[in-house]
C-alpha atoms as a PDB file:
ATOM      1  CA  MET A   1      -6.854  -5.633   3.341  1.00  0.00           C
ATOM      2  CA  ASP A   2      -9.954  -3.518   3.061  1.00  0.00           C
ATOM      3  CA  ALA A   3      -8.876  -1.466   0.077  1.00  0.00           C
ATOM      4  CA  GLY A   4     -11.469   1.237   0.772  1.00  0.00           C
ATOM      5  CA  PRO A   5     -10.817   4.054  -1.697  1.00  0.00           C
ATOM      6  CA  ILE A   6      -8.065   2.099  -3.451  1.00  0.00           C
ATOM      7  CA  ASN A   7      -9.041   0.309  -6.651  1.00  0.00           C
ATOM      8  CA  ALA A   8      -7.669  -2.860  -8.188  1.00  0.00           C
ATOM      9  CA  GLY A   9      -4.527  -2.080 -10.116  1.00  0.00           C
ATOM     10  CA  THR A  10      -3.449   0.728  -7.799  1.00  0.00           C
ATOM     11  CA  VAL A  11       0.335   0.816  -7.633  1.00  0.00           C
ATOM     12  CA  LEU A  12       1.964   0.986  -4.207  1.00  0.00           C
ATOM     13  CA  THR A  13       5.493   2.321  -4.078  1.00  0.00           C
ATOM     14  CA  PRO A  14       7.841   2.601  -1.093  1.00  0.00           C
ATOM     15  CA  ALA A  15       8.015   5.981   0.611  1.00  0.00           C
ATOM     16  CA  TRP A  16      11.748   5.499   1.126  1.00  0.00           C
ATOM     17  CA  GLU A  17      13.958   6.083  -1.906  1.00  0.00           C
ATOM     18  CA  GLU A  18      16.386   3.290  -1.026  1.00  0.00           C
ATOM     19  CA  TYR A  19      13.665   0.697  -1.671  1.00  0.00           C
ATOM     20  CA  ASP A  20      12.261  -0.093  -5.103  1.00  0.00           C
ATOM     21  CA  HIS A  21       9.848  -2.962  -4.405  1.00  0.00           C
ATOM     22  CA  VAL A  22       6.628  -1.945  -6.147  1.00  0.00           C
ATOM     23  CA  ALA A  23       3.395  -3.656  -5.108  1.00  0.00           C
ATOM     24  CA  ALA A  24      -0.138  -3.466  -6.472  1.00  0.00           C
ATOM     25  CA  ILE A  25      -3.706  -4.050  -5.336  1.00  0.00           C
ATOM     26  CA  ASP A  26      -5.311  -7.075  -6.977  1.00  0.00           C
ATOM     27  CA  ASP A  27      -8.968  -7.501  -7.930  1.00  0.00           C
ATOM     28  CA  ARG A  28      -9.728  -8.942  -4.480  1.00  0.00           C
ATOM     29  CA  GLY A  29      -8.260  -5.970  -2.585  1.00  0.00           C
ATOM     30  CA  ARG A  30      -5.078  -7.801  -1.611  1.00  0.00           C
ATOM     31  CA  ILE A  31      -1.564  -6.466  -1.915  1.00  0.00           C
ATOM     32  CA  VAL A  32       0.699  -8.344  -4.323  1.00  0.00           C
ATOM     33  CA  LEU A  33       4.466  -7.936  -4.142  1.00  0.00           C
ATOM     34  CA  ASP A  34       6.810 -10.072  -6.244  1.00  0.00           C
ATOM     35  CA  GLY A  35       4.002 -12.559  -6.854  1.00  0.00           C
ATOM     36  CA  GLN A  36       3.307 -12.989  -3.138  1.00  0.00           C
ATOM     37  CA  ILE A  37      -0.036 -11.986  -1.630  1.00  0.00           C
ATOM     38  CA  HIS A  38      -0.028  -9.918   1.543  1.00  0.00           C
ATOM     39  CA  GLY A  39      -3.131  -9.177   3.573  1.00  0.00           C
ATOM     40  CA  ILE A  40      -1.631  -6.153   5.298  1.00  0.00           C
ATOM     41  CA  PRO A  41       0.775  -3.412   4.186  1.00  0.00           C
ATOM     42  CA  SER A  42       3.352  -4.268   6.863  1.00  0.00           C
ATOM     43  CA  GLY A  43       3.828  -7.647   5.206  1.00  0.00           C
ATOM     44  CA  THR A  44       5.066  -5.892   2.084  1.00  0.00           C
ATOM     45  CA  ALA A  45       7.382  -3.627   4.072  1.00  0.00           C
ATOM     46  CA  ASN A  46       8.899  -6.662   5.785  1.00  0.00           C
ATOM     47  CA  ALA A  47       9.178  -8.553   2.493  1.00  0.00           C
ATOM     48  CA  ALA A  48      11.036  -5.572   1.010  1.00  0.00           C
ATOM     49  CA  GLY A  49      13.468  -5.683   3.945  1.00  0.00           C
ATOM     50  CA  ALA A  50      12.289  -2.428   5.504  1.00  0.00           C
ATOM     51  CA  GLY A  51      10.925  -3.940   8.732  1.00  0.00           C
ATOM     52  CA  THR A  52       8.652  -0.990   9.421  1.00  0.00           C
ATOM     53  CA  ASN A  53       5.005   0.015   9.501  1.00  0.00           C
ATOM     54  CA  GLY A  54       3.651  -0.727   6.042  1.00  0.00           C
ATOM     55  CA  TRP A  55       0.848   1.807   6.388  1.00  0.00           C
ATOM     56  CA  THR A  56       3.423   4.617   6.344  1.00  0.00           C
ATOM     57  CA  PHE A  57       5.950   2.769   4.150  1.00  0.00           C
ATOM     58  CA  ARG A  58       3.602   2.340   1.168  1.00  0.00           C
ATOM     59  CA  LEU A  59       2.392   5.192  -1.044  1.00  0.00           C
ATOM     60  CA  ALA A  60      -0.634   4.675  -3.263  1.00  0.00           C
ATOM     61  CA  ASP A  61      -0.785   6.277  -6.687  1.00  0.00           C
ATOM     62  CA  THR A  62      -4.022   8.296  -6.671  1.00  0.00           C
ATOM     63  CA  PRO A  63      -5.448  10.948  -9.010  1.00  0.00           C
ATOM     64  CA  GLU A  64      -4.264  13.519  -6.429  1.00  0.00           C
ATOM     65  CA  GLY A  65      -0.712  12.100  -6.424  1.00  0.00           C
ATOM     66  CA  GLN A  66       1.024   9.678  -4.100  1.00  0.00           C
ATOM     67  CA  VAL A  67      -0.605   9.323  -0.692  1.00  0.00           C
ATOM     68  CA  SER A  68       0.476   7.091   2.189  1.00  0.00           C
ATOM     69  CA  LEU A  69      -1.812   4.204   3.035  1.00  0.00           C
ATOM     70  CA  ALA A  70      -1.974   5.592   6.576  1.00  0.00           C
ATOM     71  CA  ASP A  71      -3.377   8.891   5.272  1.00  0.00           C
ATOM     72  CA  LEU A  72      -5.865   7.080   3.034  1.00  0.00           C
ATOM     73  CA  ARG A  73      -7.009   4.925   5.942  1.00  0.00           C
ATOM     74  CA  ALA A  74      -7.417   7.985   8.170  1.00  0.00           C
ATOM     75  CA  ALA A  75      -9.399   9.843   5.500  1.00  0.00           C
ATOM     76  CA  SER A  76     -11.597   6.791   4.950  1.00  0.00           C
ATOM     77  CA  SER A  77     -12.387   6.503   8.659  1.00  0.00           C
ATOM     78  CA  GLU A  78     -13.209  10.221   8.816  1.00  0.00           C
ATOM     79  CA  GLU A  79     -15.748   9.759   6.000  1.00  0.00           C
ATOM     80  CA  SER A  80     -17.480   6.876   7.800  1.00  0.00           C
END
C-alpha cells in the first residue's frame, strides 16, 4: 500500500463498532493485522470477517482524529 500521508505506526481501527480487529502501518507502508501483512486495506477487512471495501472499513488515527482510508486517499490525490 502506498501509505501516502500515513506514517509507520499509524493505528487503523474498523469503522464498524461490531469489529475490533486493530491493524497498523509498518515501517514499509504495509498493513499488519494479527501478525499478517496485507498490501491493501480490503485484505484486512476480509481477514476481520467484514467482507467489505477496506478503504471505507478502516479508519486511520490522525492528528485531526479518525479518518477513513478512502478520505485520506482522496485528499492525497487532490494534493497531487
